[in-house]
Amino acid sequence: MTTFDERLRALSWARDLLRDLAADESMRQDVRELAAWRLNSYPQPTEIENRLQDLQGFALLLSVRSIERTRALLDDLSAQGAAELTVRVQRIARHFPECREMSSAIRSPNDARAWAAMYLDRPPGRMGLLRLARPEPTSVASRCRRRQRRDALRRLRSALQRLQRDSSVPVMARSEAHRLLLAMPSNRQLGRRLQDMTIRDVNEGFQALQRACQLLEAIVEGTFPAGLRQQTAAQRLCLHLPCGEWFPINSIATAHRQAWVDALFLKQSYRIDKRTRRILGILAGALNVPDDFDDPLPDDVLSAFGCD
């Protein structure tokens, strides 16, 4: 059984192999170019040592995809029977993730984060990599902030449409924008705070909103190169949108649906449970109305207030 340390060492050895292949003039030109291409998006040594916790959003997704494609390159080198590389490749492949293990990890940044938490973390989910079922409590937002959040969520669709039409944006970002436009909640549903949606639609809507926020963050951070106009528009929206890592990794349960919706729109949830009401001992009985409350006041009290 492969341990966590062996997995990390295999990822580091694979990076060294890619570097050596790209610099080896005795290798075929296509292998050298392919190794150099994989090396561009492969995680850095410090990122591997930190179990990919420093990577977020589409930067993490691109790194995980590079790991998955590096595995395919290792399989090709083994199949070609290169004698000088066979031992080294087999040593790395023994503890390197299999392609079948990563087929679901390369679908979205959310899936990439879940894979990294389960495959590289010890124990799985430490340091908050796996989200809690309920959103973290936040301070009460002002009316201005709630309006800005609502307007930013409504403008998200038009921002994705501009990204989809911009030919200067990478193809992966444009195709992602196209998929998100089909899955995102409509502006009418956002205006109604997702109240007319089933729990399944709410989960799909949250996943689409998360990936849309992560896509804009990738534009701002330069993970996906874009023009100044796209970067400025994405940066303005990101100021009032939730962070991509804020959204839950797991599906939202029906019992926690309203809490997540209220947190998304910066609305404070009020819930009073009468069964948990407690009265301090010093106040016990202080609010009880006495039986003689409506009886006439004593004469000395009336005299003291000059009512006689």
C-alpha atoms as a PDB file:
ATOM      1  CA  MET A   1       0.000   0.000   0.000  1.00  0.00           C
ATOM      2  CA  THR A   2       1.325   3.437  -0.977  1.00  0.00           C
ATOM      3  CA  THR A   3       1.838   5.838   1.928  1.00  0.00           C
ATOM      4  CA  PHE A   4       1.332   9.594   1.808  1.00  0.00           C
ATOM      5  CA  ASP A   5       5.090  10.241   1.924  1.00  0.00           C
ATOM      6  CA  GLU A   6       5.660   7.871  -1.008  1.00  0.00           C
ATOM      7  CA  ARG A   7       2.997   9.700  -3.022  1.00  0.00           C
ATOM      8  CA  LEU A   8       4.681  13.034  -2.386  1.00  0.00           C
ATOM      9  CA  ARG A   9       8.085  11.643  -3.313  1.00  0.00           C
ATOM     10  CA  ALA A  10       6.684  10.175  -6.538  1.00  0.00           C
ATOM     11  CA  LEU A  11       5.230  13.569  -7.489  1.00  0.00           C
ATOM     12  CA  SER A  12       8.615  15.213  -6.832  1.00  0.00           C
ATOM     13  CA  TRP A  13      10.509  12.548  -8.794  1.00  0.00           C
ATOM     14  CA  ALA A  14       8.127  12.982 -11.722  1.00  0.00           C
ATOM     15  CA  ARG A  15       8.951  16.697 -11.850  1.00  0.00           C
ATOM     16  CA  ASP A  16      12.669  15.899 -11.913  1.00  0.00           C
ATOM     17  CA  LEU A  17      12.032  13.411 -14.719  1.00  0.00           C
ATOM     18  CA  LEU A  18      10.161  15.997 -16.790  1.00  0.00           C
ATOM     19  CA  ARG A  19      13.007  18.475 -16.349  1.00  0.00           C
ATOM     20  CA  ASP A  20      15.613  15.909 -17.396  1.00  0.00           C
ATOM     21  CA  LEU A  21      13.567  14.805 -20.412  1.00  0.00           C
ATOM     22  CA  ALA A  22      13.129  18.386 -21.600  1.00  0.00           C
ATOM     23  CA  ALA A  23      16.895  19.013 -21.361  1.00  0.00           C
ATOM     24  CA  ASP A  24      18.080  15.649 -22.765  1.00  0.00           C
ATOM     25  CA  GLU A  25      19.184  16.217 -26.366  1.00  0.00           C
ATOM     26  CA  SER A  26      19.390  12.480 -26.991  1.00  0.00           C
ATOM     27  CA  MET A  27      15.628  12.101 -26.587  1.00  0.00           C
ATOM     28  CA  ARG A  28      13.220  12.439 -29.471  1.00  0.00           C
ATOM     29  CA  GLN A  29      12.079  15.978 -30.208  1.00  0.00           C
ATOM     30  CA  ASP A  30       8.407  15.227 -29.609  1.00  0.00           C
ATOM     31  CA  VAL A  31       9.141  13.711 -26.177  1.00  0.00           C
ATOM     32  CA  ARG A  32      11.266  16.702 -25.194  1.00  0.00           C
ATOM     33  CA  GLU A  33       8.568  19.168 -26.249  1.00  0.00           C
ATOM     34  CA  LEU A  34       5.861  17.200 -24.474  1.00  0.00           C
ATOM     35  CA  ALA A  35       7.907  17.040 -21.269  1.00  0.00           C
ATOM     36  CA  ALA A  36       8.580  20.799 -21.411  1.00  0.00           C
ATOM     37  CA  TRP A  37       4.886  21.476 -21.933  1.00  0.00           C
ATOM     38  CA  ARG A  38       3.911  19.312 -18.939  1.00  0.00           C
ATOM     39  CA  LEU A  39       6.576  20.985 -16.820  1.00  0.00           C
ATOM     40  CA  ASN A  40       5.064  24.452 -17.350  1.00  0.00           C
ATOM     41  CA  SER A  41       1.914  23.716 -15.325  1.00  0.00           C
ATOM     42  CA  TYR A  42       3.337  20.992 -13.059  1.00  0.00           C
ATOM     43  CA  PRO A  43       3.303  21.893  -9.317  1.00  0.00           C
ATOM     44  CA  GLN A  44       6.440  23.467  -7.895  1.00  0.00           C
ATOM     45  CA  PRO A  45       8.498  21.559  -5.282  1.00  0.00           C
ATOM     46  CA  THR A  46       7.267  23.797  -2.458  1.00  0.00           C
ATOM     47  CA  GLU A  47       3.660  23.293  -3.578  1.00  0.00           C
ATOM     48  CA  ILE A  48       4.116  19.518  -3.596  1.00  0.00           C
ATOM     49  CA  GLU A  49       5.734  19.633  -0.163  1.00  0.00           C
ATOM     50  CA  ASN A  50       2.750  21.659   1.088  1.00  0.00           C
ATOM     51  CA  ARG A  51       0.322  19.087  -0.397  1.00  0.00           C
ATOM     52  CA  LEU A  52      -1.098  21.587  -2.958  1.00  0.00           C
ATOM     53  CA  GLN A  53      -2.759  23.585  -0.184  1.00  0.00           C
ATOM     54  CA  ASP A  54      -1.337  26.849  -1.581  1.00  0.00           C
ATOM     55  CA  LEU A  55      -3.154  26.373  -4.911  1.00  0.00           C
ATOM     56  CA  GLN A  56      -6.757  27.400  -5.361  1.00  0.00           C
ATOM     57  CA  GLY A  57      -9.372  27.490  -8.072  1.00  0.00           C
ATOM     58  CA  PHE A  58      -8.273  26.913 -11.651  1.00  0.00           C
ATOM     59  CA  ALA A  59      -4.583  27.101 -10.718  1.00  0.00           C
ATOM     60  CA  LEU A  60      -5.134  23.921  -8.702  1.00  0.00           C
ATOM     61  CA  LEU A  61      -7.164  22.370 -11.525  1.00  0.00           C
ATOM     62  CA  LEU A  62      -4.406  23.013 -14.078  1.00  0.00           C
ATOM     63  CA  SER A  63      -1.816  21.473 -11.745  1.00  0.00           C
ATOM     64  CA  VAL A  64      -3.939  18.376 -11.179  1.00  0.00           C
ATOM     65  CA  ARG A  65      -4.505  18.060 -14.924  1.00  0.00           C
ATOM     66  CA  SER A  66      -0.757  18.278 -15.461  1.00  0.00           C
ATOM     67  CA  ILE A  67      -0.280  15.436 -12.960  1.00  0.00           C
ATOM     68  CA  GLU A  68      -2.888  13.371 -14.809  1.00  0.00           C
ATOM     69  CA  ARG A  69      -1.220  13.985 -18.189  1.00  0.00           C
ATOM     70  CA  THR A  70       2.190  13.247 -16.711  1.00  0.00           C
ATOM     71  CA  ARG A  71       0.868   9.826 -15.731  1.00  0.00           C
ATOM     72  CA  ALA A  72      -0.136   9.253 -19.360  1.00  0.00           C
ATOM     73  CA  LEU A  73       3.402  10.236 -20.423  1.00  0.00           C
ATOM     74  CA  LEU A  74       4.879   7.748 -17.937  1.00  0.00           C
ATOM     75  CA  ASP A  75       2.711   4.991 -19.377  1.00  0.00           C
ATOM     76  CA  ASP A  76       3.832   5.884 -22.907  1.00  0.00           C
ATOM     77  CA  LEU A  77       7.507   5.799 -21.936  1.00  0.00           C
ATOM     78  CA  SER A  78       7.041   2.406 -20.311  1.00  0.00           C
ATOM     79  CA  ALA A  79       5.250   1.063 -23.380  1.00  0.00           C
ATOM     80  CA  GLN A  80       7.991   2.294 -25.715  1.00  0.00           C
ATOM     81  CA  GLY A  81      10.513   0.219 -23.778  1.00  0.00           C
ATOM     82  CA  ALA A  82      13.194   2.880 -23.449  1.00  0.00           C
ATOM     83  CA  ALA A  83      15.858   0.880 -21.632  1.00  0.00           C
ATOM     84  CA  GLU A  84      17.579   3.873 -20.022  1.00  0.00           C
ATOM     85  CA  LEU A  85      14.295   5.125 -18.567  1.00  0.00           C
ATOM     86  CA  THR A  86      12.436   1.921 -17.761  1.00  0.00           C
ATOM     87  CA  VAL A  87      13.749   1.494 -14.210  1.00  0.00           C
ATOM     88  CA  ARG A  88      13.329   5.147 -13.358  1.00  0.00           C
ATOM     89  CA  VAL A  89       9.823   5.352 -14.821  1.00  0.00           C
ATOM     90  CA  GLN A  90       8.680   2.189 -13.051  1.00  0.00           C
ATOM     91  CA  ARG A  91      10.027   3.483  -9.760  1.00  0.00           C
ATOM     92  CA  ILE A  92       7.939   6.653 -10.130  1.00  0.00           C
ATOM     93  CA  ALA A  93       4.844   4.958 -11.543  1.00  0.00           C
ATOM     94  CA  ARG A  94       4.675   2.509  -8.636  1.00  0.00           C
ATOM     95  CA  HIS A  95       3.464   5.278  -6.299  1.00  0.00           C
ATOM     96  CA  PHE A  96       2.134   7.790  -8.846  1.00  0.00           C
ATOM     97  CA  PRO A  97      -1.669   8.275  -9.074  1.00  0.00           C
ATOM     98  CA  GLU A  98      -3.406   6.162 -11.687  1.00  0.00           C
ATOM     99  CA  CYS A  99      -5.366   7.723 -14.525  1.00  0.00           C
ATOM    100  CA  ARG A 100      -8.571   6.080 -13.288  1.00  0.00           C
ATOM    101  CA  GLU A 101      -8.044   7.704  -9.887  1.00  0.00           C
ATOM    102  CA  MET A 102      -7.878  11.158 -11.477  1.00  0.00           C
ATOM    103  CA  SER A 103     -10.693  10.905 -14.015  1.00  0.00           C
ATOM    104  CA  SER A 104     -13.067  12.703 -11.653  1.00  0.00           C
ATOM    105  CA  ALA A 105     -10.434  15.098 -10.240  1.00  0.00           C
ATOM    106  CA  ILE A 106      -9.959  17.017 -13.509  1.00  0.00           C
ATOM    107  CA  ARG A 107     -13.613  17.966 -14.017  1.00  0.00           C
ATOM    108  CA  SER A 108     -13.650  21.140 -11.916  1.00  0.00           C
ATOM    109  CA  PRO A 109     -11.584  23.015  -9.292  1.00  0.00           C
ATOM    110  CA  ASN A 110     -13.952  21.673  -6.653  1.00  0.00           C
ATOM    111  CA  ASP A 111     -13.232  18.074  -7.662  1.00  0.00           C
ATOM    112  CA  ALA A 112      -9.518  18.824  -7.816  1.00  0.00           C
ATOM    113  CA  ARG A 113      -9.601  20.144  -4.235  1.00  0.00           C
ATOM    114  CA  ALA A 114     -11.470  17.064  -3.013  1.00  0.00           C
ATOM    115  CA  TRP A 115      -8.930  14.795  -4.746  1.00  0.00           C
ATOM    116  CA  ALA A 116      -5.966  16.672  -3.259  1.00  0.00           C
ATOM    117  CA  ALA A 117      -7.506  16.498   0.208  1.00  0.00           C
ATOM    118  CA  MET A 118      -8.105  12.753   0.019  1.00  0.00           C
ATOM    119  CA  TYR A 119      -4.979  11.699  -1.921  1.00  0.00           C
ATOM    120  CA  LEU A 120      -2.276  13.965  -0.508  1.00  0.00           C
ATOM    121  CA  ASP A 121      -3.531  14.968   2.933  1.00  0.00           C
ATOM    122  CA  ARG A 122      -2.864  13.050   6.142  1.00  0.00           C
ATOM    123  CA  PRO A 123      -5.353  12.607   7.691  1.00  0.00           C
ATOM    124  CA  PRO A 124      -7.786  13.517   4.891  1.00  0.00           C
ATOM    125  CA  GLY A 125      -9.405  16.884   5.326  1.00  0.00           C
ATOM    126  CA  ARG A 126      -7.032  18.457   7.838  1.00  0.00           C
ATOM    127  CA  MET A 127      -6.454  22.224   7.784  1.00  0.00           C
ATOM    128  CA  GLY A 128     -10.027  22.788   6.626  1.00  0.00           C
ATOM    129  CA  LEU A 129      -9.618  21.348   3.156  1.00  0.00           C
ATOM    130  CA  LEU A 130     -13.044  19.729   3.373  1.00  0.00           C
ATOM    131  CA  ARG A 131     -15.790  22.193   4.168  1.00  0.00           C
ATOM    132  CA  LEU A 132     -18.260  21.880   7.000  1.00  0.00           C
ATOM    133  CA  ALA A 133     -21.917  21.167   6.367  1.00  0.00           C
ATOM    134  CA  ARG A 134     -22.950  24.641   7.563  1.00  0.00           C
ATOM    135  CA  PRO A 135     -21.457  27.984   6.512  1.00  0.00           C
ATOM    136  CA  GLU A 136     -19.235  29.747   8.966  1.00  0.00           C
ATOM    137  CA  PRO A 137     -20.998  32.507  10.930  1.00  0.00           C
ATOM    138  CA  THR A 138     -20.305  35.997   9.623  1.00  0.00           C
ATOM    139  CA  SER A 139     -20.970  39.456  10.986  1.00  0.00           C
ATOM    140  CA  VAL A 140     -24.172  41.206  10.043  1.00  0.00           C
ATOM    141  CA  ALA A 141     -23.748  42.909   6.662  1.00  0.00           C
ATOM    142  CA  SER A 142     -24.984  46.421   6.011  1.00  0.00           C
ATOM    143  CA  ARG A 143     -27.778  47.116   3.570  1.00  0.00           C
ATOM    144  CA  CYS A 144     -25.242  48.538   1.114  1.00  0.00           C
ATOM    145  CA  ARG A 145     -23.130  45.345   1.173  1.00  0.00           C
ATOM    146  CA  ARG A 146     -26.193  43.159   0.692  1.00  0.00           C
ATOM    147  CA  ARG A 147     -27.218  45.227  -2.331  1.00  0.00           C
ATOM    148  CA  GLN A 148     -23.705  45.038  -3.775  1.00  0.00           C
ATOM    149  CA  ARG A 149     -23.652  41.246  -3.347  1.00  0.00           C
ATOM    150  CA  ARG A 150     -27.074  40.916  -5.009  1.00  0.00           C
ATOM    151  CA  ASP A 151     -26.073  43.156  -7.932  1.00  0.00           C
ATOM    152  CA  ALA A 152     -22.768  41.297  -8.401  1.00  0.00           C
ATOM    153  CA  LEU A 153     -24.559  37.944  -8.574  1.00  0.00           C
ATOM    154  CA  ARG A 154     -26.944  39.312 -11.191  1.00  0.00           C
ATOM    155  CA  ARG A 155     -24.115  40.809 -13.274  1.00  0.00           C
ATOM    156  CA  LEU A 156     -22.224  37.519 -13.206  1.00  0.00           C
ATOM    157  CA  ARG A 157     -24.125  36.153 -16.209  1.00  0.00           C
ATOM    158  CA  SER A 158     -23.310  39.125 -18.427  1.00  0.00           C
ATOM    159  CA  ALA A 159     -19.637  38.902 -17.404  1.00  0.00           C
ATOM    160  CA  LEU A 160     -19.545  35.243 -18.476  1.00  0.00           C
ATOM    161  CA  GLN A 161     -21.172  36.133 -21.785  1.00  0.00           C
ATOM    162  CA  ARG A 162     -18.427  38.693 -22.480  1.00  0.00           C
ATOM    163  CA  LEU A 163     -15.777  36.108 -21.630  1.00  0.00           C
ATOM    164  CA  GLN A 164     -17.377  33.604 -23.973  1.00  0.00           C
ATOM    165  CA  ARG A 165     -17.275  36.076 -26.889  1.00  0.00           C
ATOM    166  CA  ASP A 166     -13.717  37.311 -26.247  1.00  0.00           C
ATOM    167  CA  SER A 167     -11.368  35.526 -28.641  1.00  0.00           C
ATOM    168  CA  SER A 168      -8.281  36.720 -26.731  1.00  0.00           C
ATOM    169  CA  VAL A 169      -9.224  34.580 -23.713  1.00  0.00           C
ATOM    170  CA  PRO A 170      -7.898  30.962 -23.702  1.00  0.00           C
ATOM    171  CA  VAL A 171     -10.193  28.313 -25.137  1.00  0.00           C
ATOM    172  CA  MET A 172     -10.499  26.521 -21.799  1.00  0.00           C
ATOM    173  CA  ALA A 173     -11.836  29.678 -20.124  1.00  0.00           C
ATOM    174  CA  ARG A 174     -14.319  30.321 -22.942  1.00  0.00           C
ATOM    175  CA  SER A 175     -15.621  26.744 -22.889  1.00  0.00           C
ATOM    176  CA  GLU A 176     -15.949  26.921 -19.109  1.00  0.00           C
ATOM    177  CA  ALA A 177     -17.950  30.152 -19.423  1.00  0.00           C
ATOM    178  CA  HIS A 178     -20.228  28.452 -21.955  1.00  0.00           C
ATOM    179  CA  ARG A 179     -20.904  25.526 -19.611  1.00  0.00           C
ATOM    180  CA  LEU A 180     -21.548  27.827 -16.672  1.00  0.00           C
ATOM    181  CA  LEU A 181     -24.102  29.888 -18.599  1.00  0.00           C
ATOM    182  CA  LEU A 182     -26.133  26.704 -19.079  1.00  0.00           C
ATOM    183  CA  ALA A 183     -25.950  25.661 -15.406  1.00  0.00           C
ATOM    184  CA  MET A 184     -26.161  28.950 -13.524  1.00  0.00           C
ATOM    185  CA  PRO A 185     -29.389  30.093 -11.841  1.00  0.00           C
ATOM    186  CA  SER A 186     -31.282  32.720 -13.816  1.00  0.00           C
ATOM    187  CA  ASN A 187     -31.436  36.319 -12.624  1.00  0.00           C
ATOM    188  CA  ARG A 188     -35.087  35.745 -11.736  1.00  0.00           C
ATOM    189  CA  GLN A 189     -34.131  32.826  -9.489  1.00  0.00           C
ATOM    190  CA  LEU A 190     -31.366  34.895  -7.894  1.00  0.00           C
ATOM    191  CA  GLY A 191     -33.852  37.718  -7.320  1.00  0.00           C
ATOM    192  CA  ARG A 192     -36.118  35.266  -5.494  1.00  0.00           C
ATOM    193  CA  ARG A 193     -33.153  33.971  -3.453  1.00  0.00           C
ATOM    194  CA  LEU A 194     -33.423  30.480  -4.981  1.00  0.00           C
ATOM    195  CA  GLN A 195     -36.733  29.911  -3.179  1.00  0.00           C
ATOM    196  CA  ASP A 196     -38.510  28.324  -6.172  1.00  0.00           C
ATOM    197  CA  MET A 197     -35.754  25.714  -6.753  1.00  0.00           C
ATOM    198  CA  THR A 198     -35.490  22.131  -5.575  1.00  0.00           C
ATOM    199  CA  ILE A 199     -32.578  21.071  -3.378  1.00  0.00           C
ATOM    200  CA  ARG A 200     -30.967  19.372  -6.386  1.00  0.00           C
ATOM    201  CA  ASP A 201     -31.207  22.571  -8.436  1.00  0.00           C
ATOM    202  CA  VAL A 202     -29.842  24.564  -5.500  1.00  0.00           C
ATOM    203  CA  ASN A 203     -26.782  22.295  -5.295  1.00  0.00           C
ATOM    204  CA  GLU A 204     -26.194  22.550  -9.043  1.00  0.00           C
ATOM    205  CA  GLY A 205     -26.649  26.320  -8.851  1.00  0.00           C
ATOM    206  CA  PHE A 206     -24.142  26.629  -5.994  1.00  0.00           C
ATOM    207  CA  GLN A 207     -21.584  24.571  -7.921  1.00  0.00           C
ATOM    208  CA  ALA A 208     -22.051  26.760 -10.994  1.00  0.00           C
ATOM    209  CA  LEU A 209     -21.728  29.954  -8.930  1.00  0.00           C
ATOM    210  CA  GLN A 210     -18.575  28.597  -7.305  1.00  0.00           C
ATOM    211  CA  ARG A 211     -16.936  27.781 -10.626  1.00  0.00           C
ATOM    212  CA  ALA A 212     -17.974  31.174 -12.013  1.00  0.00           C
ATOM    213  CA  CYS A 213     -16.329  32.940  -9.055  1.00  0.00           C
ATOM    214  CA  GLN A 214     -13.218  30.788  -9.483  1.00  0.00           C
ATOM    215  CA  LEU A 215     -13.129  31.582 -13.205  1.00  0.00           C
ATOM    216  CA  LEU A 216     -13.173  35.323 -12.501  1.00  0.00           C
ATOM    217  CA  GLU A 217     -10.453  34.857  -9.868  1.00  0.00           C
ATOM    218  CA  ALA A 218      -8.358  33.018 -12.467  1.00  0.00           C
ATOM    219  CA  ILE A 219      -8.766  35.990 -14.821  1.00  0.00           C
ATOM    220  CA  VAL A 220      -7.738  38.445 -12.090  1.00  0.00           C
ATOM    221  CA  GLU A 221      -4.726  36.381 -10.967  1.00  0.00           C
ATOM    222  CA  GLY A 222      -3.515  35.816 -14.535  1.00  0.00           C
ATOM    223  CA  THR A 223      -4.033  32.043 -14.539  1.00  0.00           C
ATOM    224  CA  PHE A 224      -6.019  32.638 -17.725  1.00  0.00           C
ATOM    225  CA  PRO A 225      -4.470  35.530 -19.697  1.00  0.00           C
ATOM    226  CA  ALA A 226      -7.024  38.178 -20.659  1.00  0.00           C
ATOM    227  CA  GLY A 227      -7.166  41.787 -21.776  1.00  0.00           C
ATOM    228  CA  LEU A 228      -7.147  44.764 -19.432  1.00  0.00           C
ATOM    229  CA  ARG A 229     -10.881  45.309 -19.880  1.00  0.00           C
ATOM    230  CA  GLN A 230     -11.722  41.736 -18.868  1.00  0.00           C
ATOM    231  CA  GLN A 231      -9.362  41.873 -15.900  1.00  0.00           C
ATOM    232  CA  THR A 232     -10.829  45.164 -14.663  1.00  0.00           C
ATOM    233  CA  ALA A 233     -14.417  43.908 -14.973  1.00  0.00           C
ATOM    234  CA  ALA A 234     -13.559  40.642 -13.216  1.00  0.00           C
ATOM    235  CA  GLN A 235     -11.736  42.477 -10.434  1.00  0.00           C
ATOM    236  CA  ARG A 236     -14.731  44.745  -9.774  1.00  0.00           C
ATOM    237  CA  LEU A 237     -17.085  41.800  -9.554  1.00  0.00           C
ATOM    238  CA  CYS A 238     -14.765  39.790  -7.301  1.00  0.00           C
ATOM    239  CA  LEU A 239     -14.841  42.609  -4.746  1.00  0.00           C
ATOM    240  CA  HIS A 240     -18.488  41.789  -3.959  1.00  0.00           C
ATOM    241  CA  LEU A 241     -18.658  38.062  -4.781  1.00  0.00           C
ATOM    242  CA  PRO A 242     -17.834  35.246  -2.347  1.00  0.00           C
ATOM    243  CA  CYS A 243     -14.413  33.628  -2.620  1.00  0.00           C
ATOM    244  CA  GLY A 244     -14.373  30.444  -4.657  1.00  0.00           C
ATOM    245  CA  GLU A 245     -13.046  28.487  -1.663  1.00  0.00           C
ATOM    246  CA  TRP A 246     -16.010  29.684   0.456  1.00  0.00           C
ATOM    247  CA  PHE A 247     -18.491  27.350  -1.212  1.00  0.00           C
ATOM    248  CA  PRO A 248     -19.061  23.836   0.206  1.00  0.00           C
ATOM    249  CA  ILE A 249     -17.279  20.881  -1.366  1.00  0.00           C
ATOM    250  CA  ASN A 250     -20.003  18.400  -0.472  1.00  0.00           C
ATOM    251  CA  SER A 251     -23.654  18.701  -1.454  1.00  0.00           C
ATOM    252  CA  ILE A 252     -25.856  20.917   0.686  1.00  0.00           C
ATOM    253  CA  ALA A 253     -28.306  19.009   2.869  1.00  0.00           C
ATOM    254  CA  THR A 254     -31.935  20.083   2.951  1.00  0.00           C
ATOM    255  CA  ALA A 255     -31.652  21.018   6.621  1.00  0.00           C
ATOM    256  CA  HIS A 256     -28.816  23.468   5.861  1.00  0.00           C
ATOM    257  CA  ARG A 257     -30.212  24.888   2.635  1.00  0.00           C
ATOM    258  CA  GLN A 258     -31.576  28.119   4.087  1.00  0.00           C
ATOM    259  CA  ALA A 259     -28.390  28.785   6.044  1.00  0.00           C
ATOM    260  CA  TRP A 260     -26.274  28.591   2.869  1.00  0.00           C
ATOM    261  CA  VAL A 261     -28.713  30.711   0.855  1.00  0.00           C
ATOM    262  CA  ASP A 262     -28.810  33.368   3.583  1.00  0.00           C
ATOM    263  CA  ALA A 263     -25.004  33.356   3.783  1.00  0.00           C
ATOM    264  CA  LEU A 264     -24.745  33.715  -0.008  1.00  0.00           C
ATOM    265  CA  PHE A 265     -26.920  36.838   0.048  1.00  0.00           C
ATOM    266  CA  LEU A 266     -25.357  38.138   3.306  1.00  0.00           C
ATOM    267  CA  LYS A 267     -28.673  37.834   5.097  1.00  0.00           C
ATOM    268  CA  GLN A 268     -28.665  36.980   8.775  1.00  0.00           C
ATOM    269  CA  SER A 269     -30.734  33.941   9.699  1.00  0.00           C
ATOM    270  CA  TYR A 270     -33.027  34.311  12.688  1.00  0.00           C
ATOM    271  CA  ARG A 271     -34.297  31.146  14.337  1.00  0.00           C
ATOM    272  CA  ILE A 272     -35.835  31.011  17.785  1.00  0.00           C
ATOM    273  CA  ASP A 273     -36.074  27.678  19.541  1.00  0.00           C
ATOM    274  CA  LYS A 274     -38.362  27.895  22.540  1.00  0.00           C
ATOM    275  CA  ARG A 275     -37.064  24.618  23.903  1.00  0.00           C
ATOM    276  CA  THR A 276     -33.627  26.150  24.494  1.00  0.00           C
ATOM    277  CA  ARG A 277     -34.904  29.228  26.384  1.00  0.00           C
ATOM    278  CA  ARG A 278     -33.187  29.731  29.730  1.00  0.00           C
ATOM    279  CA  ILE A 279     -33.804  32.192  32.602  1.00  0.00           C
ATOM    280  CA  LEU A 280     -30.987  33.259  34.889  1.00  0.00           C
ATOM    281  CA  GLY A 281     -31.529  32.512  38.573  1.00  0.00           C
ATOM    282  CA  ILE A 282     -31.351  36.193  39.544  1.00  0.00           C
ATOM    283  CA  LEU A 283     -34.272  36.948  37.210  1.00  0.00           C
ATOM    284  CA  ALA A 284     -36.366  33.912  38.051  1.00  0.00           C
ATOM    285  CA  GLY A 285     -39.924  35.044  38.745  1.00  0.00           C
ATOM    286  CA  ALA A 286     -39.178  38.712  38.029  1.00  0.00           C
ATOM    287  CA  LEU A 287     -41.527  38.822  35.056  1.00  0.00           C
ATOM    288  CA  ASN A 288     -44.386  36.920  36.688  1.00  0.00           C
ATOM    289  CA  VAL A 289     -47.532  39.041  37.302  1.00  0.00           C
ATOM    290  CA  PRO A 290     -48.666  38.789  40.970  1.00  0.00           C
ATOM    291  CA  ASP A 291     -52.211  37.692  41.753  1.00  0.00           C
ATOM    292  CA  ASP A 292     -53.072  40.998  43.569  1.00  0.00           C
ATOM    293  CA  PHE A 293     -51.838  43.196  40.723  1.00  0.00           C
ATOM    294  CA  ASP A 294     -55.317  44.769  40.135  1.00  0.00           C
ATOM    295  CA  ASP A 295     -56.182  45.244  43.828  1.00  0.00           C
ATOM    296  CA  PRO A 296     -56.405  48.852  45.248  1.00  0.00           C
ATOM    297  CA  LEU A 297     -53.112  50.323  46.476  1.00  0.00           C
ATOM    298  CA  PRO A 298     -52.514  50.618  50.255  1.00  0.00           C
ATOM    299  CA  ASP A 299     -53.303  53.969  51.958  1.00  0.00           C
ATOM    300  CA  ASP A 300     -49.656  54.707  52.820  1.00  0.00           C
ATOM    301  CA  VAL A 301     -48.682  54.421  49.149  1.00  0.00           C
ATOM    302  CA  LEU A 302     -51.470  56.779  48.109  1.00  0.00           C
ATOM    303  CA  SER A 303     -50.452  59.246  50.819  1.00  0.00           C
ATOM    304  CA  ALA A 304     -46.819  59.162  49.723  1.00  0.00           C
ATOM    305  CA  PHE A 305     -47.784  60.209  46.161  1.00  0.00           C
ATOM    306  CA  GLY A 306     -50.335  62.795  47.334  1.00  0.00           C
ATOM    307  CA  CYS A 307     -53.288  60.888  45.937  1.00  0.00           C
ATOM    308  CA  ASP A 308     -55.505  61.018  49.042  1.00  0.00           C
END
